[in-house]
PDB file of all heavy atoms in Angstrom:
ATOM      1  N   ALA A   1     101.756  98.226  72.845  1.00  0.00           N
ATOM      2  CA  ALA A   1     102.289  97.158  73.702  1.00  0.00           C
ATOM      3  C   ALA A   1     103.805  97.013  73.577  1.00  0.00           C
ATOM      4  O   ALA A   1     104.488  96.698  74.560  1.00  0.00           O
ATOM      5  CB  ALA A   1     101.601  95.841  73.374  1.00  0.00           C
ATOM      6  N   ALA A   2     104.348  97.244  72.396  1.00  0.00           N
ATOM      7  CA  ALA A   2     105.783  97.064  72.195  1.00  0.00           C
ATOM      8  C   ALA A   2     106.595  98.204  72.811  1.00  0.00           C
ATOM      9  O   ALA A   2     107.806  98.047  73.026  1.00  0.00           O
ATOM     10  CB  ALA A   2     106.088  96.981  70.694  1.00  0.00           C
ATOM     11  N   ASN A   3     105.923  99.330  73.141  1.00  0.00           N
ATOM     12  CA  ASN A   3     106.653 100.512  73.591  1.00  0.00           C
ATOM     13  C   ASN A   3     106.352 100.940  75.017  1.00  0.00           C
ATOM     14  O   ASN A   3     107.180 101.605  75.645  1.00  0.00           O
ATOM     15  CB  ASN A   3     106.337 101.698  72.670  1.00  0.00           C
ATOM     16  CG  ASN A   3     106.558 101.385  71.208  1.00  0.00           C
ATOM     17  OD1 ASN A   3     107.429 100.591  70.861  1.00  0.00           O
ATOM     18  ND2 ASN A   3     105.767 101.996  70.332  1.00  0.00           N
ATOM     19  N   ILE A   4     105.194 100.602  75.522  1.00  0.00           N
ATOM     20  CA  ILE A   4     104.724 101.193  76.772  1.00  0.00           C
ATOM     21  C   ILE A   4     105.551 100.744  77.976  1.00  0.00           C
ATOM     22  O   ILE A   4     105.960  99.591  78.090  1.00  0.00           O
ATOM     23  CB  ILE A   4     103.226 100.863  76.990  1.00  0.00           C
ATOM     24  CG1 ILE A   4     102.648 101.735  78.105  1.00  0.00           C
ATOM     25  CG2 ILE A   4     103.018  99.382  77.280  1.00  0.00           C
ATOM     26  CD1 ILE A   4     101.133 101.670  78.195  1.00  0.00           C
ATOM     27  N   ASN A   5     105.834 101.710  78.855  1.00  0.00           N
ATOM     28  CA  ASN A   5     106.493 101.447  80.130  1.00  0.00           C
ATOM     29  C   ASN A   5     105.482 101.690  81.236  1.00  0.00           C
ATOM     30  O   ASN A   5     104.854 102.761  81.281  1.00  0.00           O
ATOM     31  CB  ASN A   5     107.685 102.384  80.331  1.00  0.00           C
ATOM     32  CG  ASN A   5     108.847 102.130  79.383  1.00  0.00           C
ATOM     33  OD1 ASN A   5     109.903 102.713  79.529  1.00  0.00           O
ATOM     34  ND2 ASN A   5     108.667 101.278  78.387  1.00  0.00           N
ATOM     35  N   THR A   6     105.307 100.726  82.131  1.00  0.00           N
ATOM     36  CA  THR A   6     104.368 100.858  83.235  1.00  0.00           C
ATOM     37  C   THR A   6     105.042 100.364  84.514  1.00  0.00           C
ATOM     38  O   THR A   6     106.208  99.978  84.500  1.00  0.00           O
ATOM     39  CB  THR A   6     103.081 100.058  82.964  1.00  0.00           C
ATOM     40  OG1 THR A   6     103.411  98.660  82.816  1.00  0.00           O
ATOM     41  CG2 THR A   6     102.397 100.537  81.690  1.00  0.00           C
ATOM     42  N   TYR A   7     104.292 100.338  85.607  1.00  0.00           N
ATOM     43  CA  TYR A   7     104.908  99.929  86.875  1.00  0.00           C
ATOM     44  C   TYR A   7     103.957  99.189  87.808  1.00  0.00           C
ATOM     45  O   TYR A   7     104.359  98.754  88.886  1.00  0.00           O
ATOM     46  CB  TYR A   7     105.456 101.164  87.611  1.00  0.00           C
ATOM     47  CG  TYR A   7     104.410 102.247  87.824  1.00  0.00           C
ATOM     48  CD1 TYR A   7     103.505 102.186  88.876  1.00  0.00           C
ATOM     49  CD2 TYR A   7     104.317 103.324  86.953  1.00  0.00           C
ATOM     50  CE1 TYR A   7     102.543 103.162  89.055  1.00  0.00           C
ATOM     51  CE2 TYR A   7     103.367 104.315  87.123  1.00  0.00           C
ATOM     52  CZ  TYR A   7     102.480 104.232  88.178  1.00  0.00           C
ATOM     53  OH  TYR A   7     101.527 105.192  88.346  1.00  0.00           O
ATOM     54  N   GLY A   8     102.686  99.079  87.442  1.00  0.00           N
ATOM     55  CA  GLY A   8     101.690  98.534  88.348  1.00  0.00           C
ATOM     56  C   GLY A   8     101.665  97.019  88.440  1.00  0.00           C
ATOM     57  O   GLY A   8     102.561  96.325  87.960  1.00  0.00           O
ATOM     58  N   PRO A   9     100.621  96.449  89.035  1.00  0.00           N
ATOM     59  CA  PRO A   9     100.510  94.998  89.245  1.00  0.00           C
ATOM     60  C   PRO A   9     100.553  94.188  87.949  1.00  0.00           C
ATOM     61  O   PRO A   9     100.974  93.036  87.947  1.00  0.00           O
ATOM     62  CB  PRO A   9      99.161  94.842  89.939  1.00  0.00           C
ATOM     63  CG  PRO A   9      98.872  96.172  90.540  1.00  0.00           C
ATOM     64  CD  PRO A   9      99.485  97.179  89.629  1.00  0.00           C
ATOM     65  N   TYR A  10     100.099  94.804  86.861  1.00  0.00           N
ATOM     66  CA  TYR A  10     100.113  94.127  85.563  1.00  0.00           C
ATOM     67  C   TYR A  10     100.900  94.942  84.541  1.00  0.00           C
ATOM     68  O   TYR A  10     101.023  96.155  84.659  1.00  0.00           O
ATOM     69  CB  TYR A  10      98.690  93.916  85.039  1.00  0.00           C
ATOM     70  CG  TYR A  10      97.947  92.783  85.714  1.00  0.00           C
ATOM     71  CD1 TYR A  10      97.188  93.021  86.862  1.00  0.00           C
ATOM     72  CD2 TYR A  10      98.012  91.477  85.221  1.00  0.00           C
ATOM     73  CE1 TYR A  10      96.514  91.984  87.489  1.00  0.00           C
ATOM     74  CE2 TYR A  10      97.336  90.438  85.847  1.00  0.00           C
ATOM     75  CZ  TYR A  10      96.592  90.701  86.978  1.00  0.00           C
ATOM     76  OH  TYR A  10      95.930  89.669  87.604  1.00  0.00           O
ATOM     77  N   ALA A  11     101.407  94.245  83.544  1.00  0.00           N
ATOM     78  CA  ALA A  11     102.057  94.886  82.394  1.00  0.00           C
ATOM     79  C   ALA A  11     101.212  94.598  81.160  1.00  0.00           C
ATOM     80  O   ALA A  11     100.442  93.622  81.123  1.00  0.00           O
ATOM     81  CB  ALA A  11     103.479  94.357  82.212  1.00  0.00           C
ATOM     82  N   LEU A  12     101.349  95.432  80.139  1.00  0.00           N
ATOM     83  CA  LEU A  12     100.594  95.244  78.901  1.00  0.00           C
ATOM     84  C   LEU A  12     101.336  94.261  78.003  1.00  0.00           C
ATOM     85  O   LEU A  12     102.440  94.537  77.544  1.00  0.00           O
ATOM     86  CB  LEU A  12     100.421  96.587  78.190  1.00  0.00           C
ATOM     87  CG  LEU A  12      99.551  96.573  76.928  1.00  0.00           C
ATOM     88  CD1 LEU A  12      98.119  96.172  77.265  1.00  0.00           C
ATOM     89  CD2 LEU A  12      99.578  97.943  76.260  1.00  0.00           C
ATOM     90  N   LYS A  13     100.721  93.117  77.758  1.00  0.00           N
ATOM     91  CA  LYS A  13     101.341  92.088  76.924  1.00  0.00           C
ATOM     92  C   LYS A  13     101.005  92.271  75.449  1.00  0.00           C
ATOM     93  O   LYS A  13     101.857  92.124  74.568  1.00  0.00           O
ATOM     94  CB  LYS A  13     100.904  90.701  77.385  1.00  0.00           C
ATOM     95  CG  LYS A  13     101.515  89.559  76.587  1.00  0.00           C
ATOM     96  CD  LYS A  13     101.051  88.205  77.121  1.00  0.00           C
ATOM     97  CE  LYS A  13     101.665  87.059  76.322  1.00  0.00           C
ATOM     98  NZ  LYS A  13     101.206  85.736  76.831  1.00  0.00           N
ATOM     99  N   ASP A  14      99.732  92.591  75.183  1.00  0.00           N
ATOM    100  CA  ASP A  14      99.300  92.735  73.782  1.00  0.00           C
ATOM    101  C   ASP A  14      98.102  93.667  73.719  1.00  0.00           C
ATOM    102  O   ASP A  14      97.253  93.664  74.605  1.00  0.00           O
ATOM    103  CB  ASP A  14      98.926  91.366  73.202  1.00  0.00           C
ATOM    104  CG  ASP A  14      98.387  91.483  71.776  1.00  0.00           C
ATOM    105  OD1 ASP A  14      99.194  91.731  70.862  1.00  0.00           O
ATOM    106  OD2 ASP A  14      97.160  91.364  71.596  1.00  0.00           O
ATOM    107  N   TRP A  15      98.040  94.462  72.664  1.00  0.00           N
ATOM    108  CA  TRP A  15      96.879  95.310  72.399  1.00  0.00           C
ATOM    109  C   TRP A  15      96.575  95.225  70.914  1.00  0.00           C
ATOM    110  O   TRP A  15      97.158  95.916  70.093  1.00  0.00           O
ATOM    111  CB  TRP A  15      97.154  96.746  72.822  1.00  0.00           C
ATOM    112  CG  TRP A  15      95.954  97.650  72.723  1.00  0.00           C
ATOM    113  CD1 TRP A  15      94.666  97.309  72.428  1.00  0.00           C
ATOM    114  CD2 TRP A  15      95.948  99.068  72.927  1.00  0.00           C
ATOM    115  NE1 TRP A  15      93.861  98.406  72.436  1.00  0.00           N
ATOM    116  CE2 TRP A  15      94.608  99.496  72.743  1.00  0.00           C
ATOM    117  CE3 TRP A  15      96.932 100.007  73.240  1.00  0.00           C
ATOM    118  CZ2 TRP A  15      94.253 100.844  72.863  1.00  0.00           C
ATOM    119  CZ3 TRP A  15      96.576 101.345  73.361  1.00  0.00           C
ATOM    120  CH2 TRP A  15      95.240 101.755  73.181  1.00  0.00           C
ATOM    121  N   SER A  16      95.668  94.327  70.565  1.00  0.00           N
ATOM    122  CA  SER A  16      95.212  94.183  69.186  1.00  0.00           C
ATOM    123  C   SER A  16      93.987  95.069  69.031  1.00  0.00           C
ATOM    124  O   SER A  16      92.878  94.692  69.451  1.00  0.00           O
ATOM    125  CB  SER A  16      94.867  92.718  68.877  1.00  0.00           C
ATOM    126  OG  SER A  16      96.006  91.894  69.034  1.00  0.00           O
ATOM    127  N   HIS A  17      94.186  96.240  68.478  1.00  0.00           N
ATOM    128  CA  HIS A  17      93.135  97.251  68.442  1.00  0.00           C
ATOM    129  C   HIS A  17      91.846  96.708  67.817  1.00  0.00           C
ATOM    130  O   HIS A  17      91.855  96.014  66.808  1.00  0.00           O
ATOM    131  CB  HIS A  17      93.619  98.472  67.669  1.00  0.00           C
ATOM    132  CG  HIS A  17      94.719  99.205  68.382  1.00  0.00           C
ATOM    133  ND1 HIS A  17      94.494 100.115  69.378  1.00  0.00           N
ATOM    134  CD2 HIS A  17      96.074  99.115  68.260  1.00  0.00           C
ATOM    135  CE1 HIS A  17      95.645 100.583  69.823  1.00  0.00           C
ATOM    136  NE2 HIS A  17      96.623  99.986  69.163  1.00  0.00           N
ATOM    137  N   ASP A  18      90.733  97.054  68.482  1.00  0.00           N
ATOM    138  CA  ASP A  18      89.389  96.645  68.067  1.00  0.00           C
ATOM    139  C   ASP A  18      89.132  95.150  68.272  1.00  0.00           C
ATOM    140  O   ASP A  18      88.059  94.662  67.895  1.00  0.00           O
ATOM    141  CB  ASP A  18      89.122  97.004  66.598  1.00  0.00           C
ATOM    142  CG  ASP A  18      89.206  98.500  66.349  1.00  0.00           C
ATOM    143  OD1 ASP A  18      88.731  99.261  67.209  1.00  0.00           O
ATOM    144  OD2 ASP A  18      89.755  98.891  65.305  1.00  0.00           O
ATOM    145  N   GLU A  19      90.087  94.434  68.823  1.00  0.00           N
ATOM    146  CA  GLU A  19      89.896  92.997  69.052  1.00  0.00           C
ATOM    147  C   GLU A  19      90.047  92.624  70.522  1.00  0.00           C
ATOM    148  O   GLU A  19      89.126  92.087  71.139  1.00  0.00           O
ATOM    149  CB  GLU A  19      90.884  92.186  68.213  1.00  0.00           C
ATOM    150  CG  GLU A  19      90.665  92.301  66.706  1.00  0.00           C
ATOM    151  CD  GLU A  19      91.654  91.469  65.923  1.00  0.00           C
ATOM    152  OE1 GLU A  19      92.390  90.663  66.539  1.00  0.00           O
ATOM    153  OE2 GLU A  19      91.706  91.618  64.682  1.00  0.00           O
ATOM    154  N   SER A  20      91.220  92.889  71.106  1.00  0.00           N
ATOM    155  CA  SER A  20      91.448  92.471  72.488  1.00  0.00           C
ATOM    156  C   SER A  20      92.663  93.178  73.071  1.00  0.00           C
ATOM    157  O   SER A  20      93.476  93.758  72.348  1.00  0.00           O
ATOM    158  CB  SER A  20      91.669  90.956  72.563  1.00  0.00           C
ATOM    159  OG  SER A  20      92.876  90.601  71.911  1.00  0.00           O
ATOM    160  N   VAL A  21      92.785  93.105  74.394  1.00  0.00           N
ATOM    161  CA  VAL A  21      93.955  93.600  75.108  1.00  0.00           C
ATOM    162  C   VAL A  21      94.294  92.571  76.176  1.00  0.00           C
ATOM    163  O   VAL A  21      93.405  92.022  76.820  1.00  0.00           O
ATOM    164  CB  VAL A  21      93.697  94.994  75.725  1.00  0.00           C
ATOM    165  CG1 VAL A  21      92.551  94.949  76.732  1.00  0.00           C
ATOM    166  CG2 VAL A  21      94.949  95.549  76.362  1.00  0.00           C
ATOM    167  N   THR A  22      95.586  92.270  76.322  1.00  0.00           N
ATOM    168  CA  THR A  22      96.017  91.238  77.264  1.00  0.00           C
ATOM    169  C   THR A  22      97.021  91.800  78.259  1.00  0.00           C
ATOM    170  O   THR A  22      97.967  92.489  77.881  1.00  0.00           O
ATOM    171  CB  THR A  22      96.651  90.042  76.520  1.00  0.00           C
ATOM    172  OG1 THR A  22      95.675  89.466  75.651  1.00  0.00           O
ATOM    173  CG2 THR A  22      97.125  88.981  77.502  1.00  0.00           C
ATOM    174  N   PHE A  23      96.814  91.463  79.524  1.00  0.00           N
ATOM    175  CA  PHE A  23      97.695  91.890  80.602  1.00  0.00           C
ATOM    176  C   PHE A  23      98.364  90.670  81.225  1.00  0.00           C
ATOM    177  O   PHE A  23      97.759  89.600  81.311  1.00  0.00           O
ATOM    178  CB  PHE A  23      96.917  92.646  81.689  1.00  0.00           C
ATOM    179  CG  PHE A  23      95.940  93.629  81.136  1.00  0.00           C
ATOM    180  CD1 PHE A  23      94.605  93.298  80.982  1.00  0.00           C
ATOM    181  CD2 PHE A  23      96.359  94.879  80.748  1.00  0.00           C
ATOM    182  CE1 PHE A  23      93.704  94.190  80.458  1.00  0.00           C
ATOM    183  CE2 PHE A  23      95.461  95.792  80.222  1.00  0.00           C
ATOM    184  CZ  PHE A  23      94.135  95.458  80.070  1.00  0.00           C
ATOM    185  N   ILE A  24      99.574  90.851  81.677  1.00  0.00           N
ATOM    186  CA  ILE A  24     100.316  89.770  82.314  1.00  0.00           C
ATOM    187  C   ILE A  24     100.866  90.279  83.640  1.00  0.00           C
ATOM    188  O   ILE A  24     101.200  91.463  83.781  1.00  0.00           O
ATOM    189  CB  ILE A  24     101.454  89.266  81.394  1.00  0.00           C
ATOM    190  CG1 ILE A  24     102.122  88.036  81.990  1.00  0.00           C
ATOM    191  CG2 ILE A  24     102.462  90.369  81.100  1.00  0.00           C
ATOM    192  CD1 ILE A  24     103.072  87.340  81.015  1.00  0.00           C
ATOM    193  N   VAL A  25     100.942  89.405  84.626  1.00  0.00           N
ATOM    194  CA  VAL A  25     101.410  89.795  85.949  1.00  0.00           C
ATOM    195  C   VAL A  25     102.810  90.411  85.868  1.00  0.00           C
ATOM    196  O   VAL A  25     103.687  89.910  85.158  1.00  0.00           O
ATOM    197  CB  VAL A  25     101.436  88.573  86.894  1.00  0.00           C
ATOM    198  CG1 VAL A  25     102.302  88.850  88.115  1.00  0.00           C
ATOM    199  CG2 VAL A  25     100.030  88.236  87.344  1.00  0.00           C
ATOM    200  N   ASN A  26     102.981  91.503  86.591  1.00  0.00           N
ATOM    201  CA  ASN A  26     104.291  92.129  86.719  1.00  0.00           C
ATOM    202  C   ASN A  26     105.011  91.469  87.894  1.00  0.00           C
ATOM    203  O   ASN A  26     104.673  91.729  89.046  1.00  0.00           O
ATOM    204  CB  ASN A  26     104.128  93.632  86.961  1.00  0.00           C
ATOM    205  CG  ASN A  26     105.431  94.323  87.311  1.00  0.00           C
ATOM    206  OD1 ASN A  26     106.516  93.757  87.177  1.00  0.00           O
ATOM    207  ND2 ASN A  26     105.325  95.567  87.783  1.00  0.00           N
ATOM    208  N   PRO A  27     106.001  90.622  87.653  1.00  0.00           N
ATOM    209  CA  PRO A  27     106.669  89.911  88.744  1.00  0.00           C
ATOM    210  C   PRO A  27     107.482  90.830  89.639  1.00  0.00           C
ATOM    211  O   PRO A  27     107.885  90.423  90.744  1.00  0.00           O
ATOM    212  CB  PRO A  27     107.577  88.921  88.005  1.00  0.00           C
ATOM    213  CG  PRO A  27     107.863  89.588  86.695  1.00  0.00           C
ATOM    214  CD  PRO A  27     106.606  90.311  86.344  1.00  0.00           C
ATOM    215  N   PHE A  28     107.702  92.076  89.204  1.00  0.00           N
ATOM    216  CA  PHE A  28     108.487  93.010  89.993  1.00  0.00           C
ATOM    217  C   PHE A  28     107.602  93.864  90.914  1.00  0.00           C
ATOM    218  O   PHE A  28     108.111  94.698  91.654  1.00  0.00           O
ATOM    219  CB  PHE A  28     109.324  93.909  89.074  1.00  0.00           C
ATOM    220  CG  PHE A  28     110.255  93.129  88.188  1.00  0.00           C
ATOM    221  CD1 PHE A  28     109.933  92.886  86.848  1.00  0.00           C
ATOM    222  CD2 PHE A  28     111.430  92.584  88.688  1.00  0.00           C
ATOM    223  CE1 PHE A  28     110.781  92.154  86.031  1.00  0.00           C
ATOM    224  CE2 PHE A  28     112.282  91.848  87.877  1.00  0.00           C
ATOM    225  CZ  PHE A  28     111.953  91.626  86.540  1.00  0.00           C
ATOM    226  N   TRP A  29     106.272  93.634  90.822  1.00  0.00           N
ATOM    227  CA  TRP A  29     105.350  94.299  91.760  1.00  0.00           C
ATOM    228  C   TRP A  29     105.203  93.377  92.967  1.00  0.00           C
ATOM    229  O   TRP A  29     104.463  92.400  92.937  1.00  0.00           O
ATOM    230  CB  TRP A  29     103.999  94.575  91.109  1.00  0.00           C
ATOM    231  CG  TRP A  29     103.025  95.252  92.041  1.00  0.00           C
ATOM    232  CD1 TRP A  29     102.117  94.655  92.852  1.00  0.00           C
ATOM    233  CD2 TRP A  29     102.893  96.665  92.263  1.00  0.00           C
ATOM    234  NE1 TRP A  29     101.417  95.584  93.575  1.00  0.00           N
ATOM    235  CE2 TRP A  29     101.881  96.832  93.229  1.00  0.00           C
ATOM    236  CE3 TRP A  29     103.524  97.784  91.741  1.00  0.00           C
ATOM    237  CZ2 TRP A  29     101.484  98.089  93.685  1.00  0.00           C
ATOM    238  CZ3 TRP A  29     103.137  99.035  92.191  1.00  0.00           C
ATOM    239  CH2 TRP A  29     102.126  99.187  93.148  1.00  0.00           C
ATOM    240  N   ALA A  30     105.902  93.692  94.037  1.00  0.00           N
ATOM    241  CA  ALA A  30     105.899  92.824  95.218  1.00  0.00           C
ATOM    242  C   ALA A  30     104.593  92.913  95.991  1.00  0.00           C
ATOM    243  O   ALA A  30     104.275  92.024  96.794  1.00  0.00           O
ATOM    244  CB  ALA A  30     107.076  93.199  96.126  1.00  0.00           C
ATOM    245  N   GLY A  31     103.843  93.975  95.749  1.00  0.00           N
ATOM    246  CA  GLY A  31     102.592  94.161  96.471  1.00  0.00           C
ATOM    247  C   GLY A  31     102.758  95.096  97.646  1.00  0.00           C
ATOM    248  O   GLY A  31     103.843  95.215  98.225  1.00  0.00           O
ATOM    249  N   THR A  32     101.685  95.798  97.980  1.00  0.00           N
ATOM    250  CA  THR A  32     101.650  96.680  99.149  1.00  0.00           C
ATOM    251  C   THR A  32     100.467  96.247 100.004  1.00  0.00           C
ATOM    252  O   THR A  32      99.654  95.415  99.574  1.00  0.00           O
ATOM    253  CB  THR A  32     101.467  98.153  98.730  1.00  0.00           C
ATOM    254  OG1 THR A  32     100.103  98.350  98.297  1.00  0.00           O
ATOM    255  CG2 THR A  32     102.424  98.539  97.610  1.00  0.00           C
ATOM    256  N   PRO A  33     100.332  96.789 101.209  1.00  0.00           N
ATOM    257  CA  PRO A  33      99.162  96.424 102.032  1.00  0.00           C
ATOM    258  C   PRO A  33      97.836  96.767 101.366  1.00  0.00           C
ATOM    259  O   PRO A  33      96.799  96.206 101.726  1.00  0.00           O
ATOM    260  CB  PRO A  33      99.379  97.245 103.309  1.00  0.00           C
ATOM    261  CG  PRO A  33     100.854  97.452 103.387  1.00  0.00           C
ATOM    262  CD  PRO A  33     101.288  97.624 101.962  1.00  0.00           C
ATOM    263  N   TYR A  34      97.879  97.670 100.396  1.00  0.00           N
ATOM    264  CA  TYR A  34      96.639  98.121  99.765  1.00  0.00           C
ATOM    265  C   TYR A  34      96.496  97.654  98.319  1.00  0.00           C
ATOM    266  O   TYR A  34      95.387  97.597  97.789  1.00  0.00           O
ATOM    267  CB  TYR A  34      96.557  99.655  99.833  1.00  0.00           C
ATOM    268  CG  TYR A  34      96.595 100.168 101.244  1.00  0.00           C
ATOM    269  CD1 TYR A  34      97.807 100.537 101.834  1.00  0.00           C
ATOM    270  CD2 TYR A  34      95.444 100.245 102.008  1.00  0.00           C
ATOM    271  CE1 TYR A  34      97.845 100.986 103.151  1.00  0.00           C
ATOM    272  CE2 TYR A  34      95.473 100.697 103.319  1.00  0.00           C
ATOM    273  CZ  TYR A  34      96.680 101.052 103.887  1.00  0.00           C
ATOM    274  OH  TYR A  34      96.713 101.493 105.186  1.00  0.00           O
ATOM    275  N   ILE A  35      97.611  97.350  97.662  1.00  0.00           N
ATOM    276  CA  ILE A  35      97.573  96.813  96.296  1.00  0.00           C
ATOM    277  C   ILE A  35      98.432  95.555  96.289  1.00  0.00           C
ATOM    278  O   ILE A  35      99.635  95.610  96.016  1.00  0.00           O
ATOM    279  CB  ILE A  35      98.109  97.818  95.253  1.00  0.00           C
ATOM    280  CG1 ILE A  35      97.430  99.177  95.398  1.00  0.00           C
ATOM    281  CG2 ILE A  35      97.875  97.279  93.838  1.00  0.00           C
ATOM    282  CD1 ILE A  35      97.950 100.232  94.427  1.00  0.00           C
ATOM    283  N   PRO A  36      97.843  94.406  96.615  1.00  0.00           N
ATOM    284  CA  PRO A  36      98.628  93.175  96.709  1.00  0.00           C
ATOM    285  C   PRO A  36      99.073  92.665  95.343  1.00  0.00           C
ATOM    286  O   PRO A  36      98.604  93.141  94.307  1.00  0.00           O
ATOM    287  CB  PRO A  36      97.648  92.197  97.360  1.00  0.00           C
ATOM    288  CG  PRO A  36      96.296  92.713  96.968  1.00  0.00           C
ATOM    289  CD  PRO A  36      96.428  94.202  96.938  1.00  0.00           C
ATOM    290  N   ALA A  37      99.991  91.719  95.355  1.00  0.00           N
ATOM    291  CA  ALA A  37     100.412  91.079  94.106  1.00  0.00           C
ATOM    292  C   ALA A  37      99.219  90.330  93.521  1.00  0.00           C
ATOM    293  O   ALA A  37      98.443  89.704  94.258  1.00  0.00           O
ATOM    294  CB  ALA A  37     101.561  90.119  94.376  1.00  0.00           C
ATOM    295  N   PRO A  38      99.021  90.382  92.215  1.00  0.00           N
ATOM    296  CA  PRO A  38      97.858  89.727  91.583  1.00  0.00           C
ATOM    297  C   PRO A  38      97.873  88.211  91.754  1.00  0.00           C
ATOM    298  O   PRO A  38      98.935  87.596  91.851  1.00  0.00           O
ATOM    299  CB  PRO A  38      98.008  90.108  90.105  1.00  0.00           C
ATOM    300  CG  PRO A  38      98.911  91.284  90.079  1.00  0.00           C
ATOM    301  CD  PRO A  38      99.839  91.104  91.234  1.00  0.00           C
ATOM    302  N   GLN A  39      96.684  87.631  91.759  1.00  0.00           N
ATOM    303  CA  GLN A  39      96.543  86.176  91.859  1.00  0.00           C
ATOM    304  C   GLN A  39      96.183  85.543  90.524  1.00  0.00           C
ATOM    305  O   GLN A  39      96.197  84.334  90.382  1.00  0.00           O
ATOM    306  CB  GLN A  39      95.466  85.831  92.893  1.00  0.00           C
ATOM    307  CG  GLN A  39      95.801  86.320  94.301  1.00  0.00           C
ATOM    308  CD  GLN A  39      97.110  85.743  94.818  1.00  0.00           C
ATOM    309  OE1 GLN A  39      97.276  84.531  94.882  1.00  0.00           O
ATOM    310  NE2 GLN A  39      98.053  86.612  95.174  1.00  0.00           N
ATOM    311  N   ILE A  40      95.826  86.364  89.541  1.00  0.00           N
ATOM    312  CA  ILE A  40      95.492  85.872  88.210  1.00  0.00           C
ATOM    313  C   ILE A  40      96.676  86.158  87.294  1.00  0.00           C
ATOM    314  O   ILE A  40      97.105  87.305  87.157  1.00  0.00           O
ATOM    315  CB  ILE A  40      94.219  86.539  87.666  1.00  0.00           C
ATOM    316  CG1 ILE A  40      93.050  86.277  88.619  1.00  0.00           C
ATOM    317  CG2 ILE A  40      93.883  86.014  86.275  1.00  0.00           C
ATOM    318  CD1 ILE A  40      91.770  86.963  88.221  1.00  0.00           C
ATOM    319  N   ALA A  41      97.221  85.112  86.685  1.00  0.00           N
ATOM    320  CA  ALA A  41      98.472  85.251  85.937  1.00  0.00           C
ATOM    321  C   ALA A  41      98.332  86.111  84.693  1.00  0.00           C
ATOM    322  O   ALA A  41      99.226  86.880  84.361  1.00  0.00           O
ATOM    323  CB  ALA A  41      98.997  83.868  85.556  1.00  0.00           C
TER     324      ALA A  41
END
């Protein structure tokens, strides 16, 4: 999580191995006609 670079609708906020993984909305993903901006924060 501290190193990964991504570009999609969500970014990786936390990855606690064997416990959980958390995603947060990427505010720089404006959305496309086929992949809209996420509605879940």
